């Protein structure tokens, strides 16, 4: 039996009830529909599938 796929927040933050999941934190959406919506919007990415930042697009200081 396969385990649940984990996702990482890659844009902004996500509020799930009282919990706030920040950029870079692991997040497991509660439904397939929510997962698809967040993937399409670019808010989350599959763990190990993080997008490569473009040169000069580093918001870390």
N, C-alpha and C. Protein backbone atom coordinates (compact mmCIF):
# COMPACT_ATOMS: atom_id res chain seq x y z
N UNK A 1 0.85 -1.18 0.00
CA UNK A 1 0.00 0.00 0.00
C UNK A 1 0.89 1.23 0.00
N UNK A 2 0.63 2.15 -0.90
CA UNK A 2 1.43 3.37 -1.02
C UNK A 2 1.03 4.36 0.07
N UNK A 3 2.04 5.10 0.56
CA UNK A 3 1.78 6.12 1.55
C UNK A 3 1.25 7.38 0.89
N UNK A 4 0.77 8.30 1.72
CA UNK A 4 0.28 9.56 1.19
C UNK A 4 1.42 10.37 0.61
N UNK A 5 1.14 11.05 -0.48
CA UNK A 5 2.14 11.93 -1.09
C UNK A 5 2.20 13.21 -0.27
N UNK A 6 3.41 13.65 0.03
CA UNK A 6 3.57 14.90 0.76
C UNK A 6 3.87 16.01 -0.23
N UNK A 7 3.40 17.19 0.08
CA UNK A 7 3.62 18.36 -0.74
C UNK A 7 4.30 19.43 0.10
N UNK A 8 4.95 20.37 -0.58
CA UNK A 8 5.62 21.48 0.09
C UNK A 8 5.00 22.76 -0.44
N UNK A 9 4.73 23.69 0.46
CA UNK A 9 4.21 25.00 0.06
C UNK A 9 5.34 25.76 -0.61
N UNK A 10 5.12 26.21 -1.85
CA UNK A 10 6.17 26.90 -2.60
C UNK A 10 5.83 28.36 -2.89
N UNK A 11 4.60 28.79 -2.56
CA UNK A 11 4.21 30.17 -2.83
C UNK A 11 3.30 30.66 -1.72
N UNK A 12 3.76 31.62 -0.95
CA UNK A 12 2.94 32.19 0.11
C UNK A 12 2.75 31.24 1.28
N UNK A 13 1.52 31.21 1.79
CA UNK A 13 1.18 30.31 2.89
C UNK A 13 -0.24 29.81 2.66
N UNK A 14 -0.61 28.76 3.38
CA UNK A 14 -1.93 28.15 3.26
C UNK A 14 -2.52 28.06 4.65
N UNK A 15 -3.79 28.48 4.78
CA UNK A 15 -4.49 28.31 6.04
C UNK A 15 -5.40 27.10 5.92
N UNK A 16 -5.23 26.16 6.83
CA UNK A 16 -6.04 24.95 6.87
C UNK A 16 -6.67 24.89 8.26
N UNK A 17 -7.89 25.39 8.36
CA UNK A 17 -8.52 25.52 9.67
C UNK A 17 -7.78 26.57 10.48
N UNK A 18 -7.32 26.20 11.67
CA UNK A 18 -6.56 27.13 12.51
C UNK A 18 -5.07 27.07 12.24
N UNK A 19 -4.65 26.13 11.40
CA UNK A 19 -3.23 25.93 11.12
C UNK A 19 -2.78 26.77 9.93
N UNK A 20 -1.61 27.41 10.05
CA UNK A 20 -1.00 28.16 8.96
C UNK A 20 0.25 27.40 8.52
N UNK A 21 0.30 27.05 7.24
CA UNK A 21 1.46 26.33 6.68
C UNK A 21 2.21 27.33 5.83
N UNK A 22 3.46 27.61 6.20
CA UNK A 22 4.27 28.63 5.53
C UNK A 22 5.09 28.03 4.40
N UNK A 23 5.57 28.92 3.53
CA UNK A 23 6.42 28.53 2.40
C UNK A 23 7.58 27.68 2.91
N UNK A 24 7.80 26.53 2.26
CA UNK A 24 8.88 25.63 2.63
C UNK A 24 8.46 24.53 3.59
N UNK A 25 7.26 24.62 4.14
CA UNK A 25 6.79 23.60 5.07
C UNK A 25 6.00 22.51 4.34
N UNK A 26 6.02 21.32 4.90
CA UNK A 26 5.30 20.18 4.33
C UNK A 26 3.81 20.33 4.61
N UNK A 27 3.00 20.03 3.59
CA UNK A 27 1.54 20.15 3.70
C UNK A 27 0.88 18.99 2.98
N UNK A 28 -0.09 18.37 3.62
CA UNK A 28 -0.87 17.30 3.00
C UNK A 28 -2.31 17.77 2.89
N UNK A 29 -2.76 18.13 1.68
CA UNK A 29 -4.14 18.60 1.49
C UNK A 29 -5.15 17.55 1.93
N UNK A 30 -6.33 18.02 2.35
CA UNK A 30 -7.34 17.12 2.88
C UNK A 30 -8.16 16.39 1.82
N UNK A 31 -8.09 16.84 0.56
CA UNK A 31 -8.85 16.18 -0.50
C UNK A 31 -8.11 16.24 -1.83
N UNK A 32 -8.50 15.35 -2.74
CA UNK A 32 -7.88 15.34 -4.08
C UNK A 32 -8.21 16.62 -4.83
N UNK A 33 -9.42 17.13 -4.64
CA UNK A 33 -9.84 18.36 -5.33
C UNK A 33 -8.98 19.54 -4.89
N UNK A 34 -8.75 19.65 -3.59
CA UNK A 34 -7.92 20.73 -3.06
C UNK A 34 -6.48 20.58 -3.54
N UNK A 35 -5.99 19.36 -3.57
CA UNK A 35 -4.64 19.10 -4.06
C UNK A 35 -4.49 19.58 -5.50
N UNK A 36 -5.44 19.21 -6.36
CA UNK A 36 -5.38 19.62 -7.77
C UNK A 36 -5.44 21.13 -7.92
N UNK A 37 -6.30 21.79 -7.16
CA UNK A 37 -6.43 23.24 -7.23
C UNK A 37 -5.13 23.93 -6.83
N UNK A 38 -4.53 23.50 -5.72
CA UNK A 38 -3.29 24.11 -5.24
C UNK A 38 -2.12 23.83 -6.18
N UNK A 39 -2.09 22.65 -6.79
CA UNK A 39 -1.05 22.33 -7.77
C UNK A 39 -1.20 23.21 -9.00
N UNK A 40 -2.43 23.38 -9.50
CA UNK A 40 -2.68 24.20 -10.68
C UNK A 40 -2.32 25.66 -10.44
N UNK A 41 -2.58 26.14 -9.22
CA UNK A 41 -2.28 27.53 -8.88
C UNK A 41 -0.79 27.74 -8.58
N UNK A 42 -0.04 26.66 -8.47
CA UNK A 42 1.39 26.78 -8.17
C UNK A 42 1.69 27.08 -6.72
N UNK A 43 0.75 26.79 -5.84
CA UNK A 43 0.93 27.04 -4.40
C UNK A 43 1.70 25.92 -3.72
N UNK A 44 1.57 24.69 -4.24
CA UNK A 44 2.28 23.55 -3.67
C UNK A 44 2.98 22.78 -4.78
N UNK A 45 3.96 21.97 -4.38
CA UNK A 45 4.65 21.08 -5.31
C UNK A 45 4.90 19.77 -4.57
N UNK A 46 4.93 18.68 -5.33
CA UNK A 46 5.22 17.39 -4.72
C UNK A 46 6.60 17.42 -4.07
N UNK A 47 6.71 16.81 -2.92
CA UNK A 47 8.00 16.80 -2.23
C UNK A 47 9.03 16.12 -3.12
N UNK A 48 10.17 16.78 -3.32
CA UNK A 48 11.19 16.27 -4.22
C UNK A 48 11.01 16.76 -5.64
N UNK A 49 9.98 17.59 -5.87
CA UNK A 49 9.69 18.14 -7.19
C UNK A 49 9.61 19.66 -7.14
N UNK A 50 10.44 20.27 -6.31
CA UNK A 50 10.40 21.72 -6.16
C UNK A 50 10.85 22.40 -7.44
N UNK A 51 10.17 23.47 -7.83
CA UNK A 51 10.59 24.20 -9.03
C UNK A 51 11.94 24.86 -8.84
N UNK A 52 12.71 24.96 -9.90
CA UNK A 52 14.02 25.61 -9.84
C UNK A 52 13.81 27.11 -9.95
N UNK A 53 14.35 27.86 -8.99
CA UNK A 53 14.20 29.32 -9.01
C UNK A 53 15.03 29.91 -10.14
N UNK A 54 14.46 30.88 -10.82
CA UNK A 54 15.18 31.57 -11.89
C UNK A 54 16.30 32.40 -11.29
N UNK A 55 17.34 32.63 -12.04
CA UNK A 55 18.48 33.43 -11.57
C UNK A 55 17.98 34.81 -11.16
N UNK A 56 18.38 35.25 -9.98
CA UNK A 56 17.98 36.56 -9.48
C UNK A 56 16.59 36.55 -8.86
N UNK A 57 15.97 35.40 -8.73
CA UNK A 57 14.63 35.30 -8.17
C UNK A 57 14.68 34.69 -6.78
N UNK A 58 15.66 35.09 -6.00
CA UNK A 58 15.86 34.55 -4.67
C UNK A 58 15.38 35.57 -3.65
N UNK A 59 14.28 35.27 -2.95
CA UNK A 59 13.76 36.22 -1.98
C UNK A 59 14.35 36.02 -0.60
N UNK A 60 15.29 35.12 -0.47
CA UNK A 60 16.01 34.91 0.79
C UNK A 60 17.07 36.00 0.93
N UNK A 61 17.22 36.52 2.14
CA UNK A 61 18.26 37.54 2.36
C UNK A 61 19.22 37.11 3.42
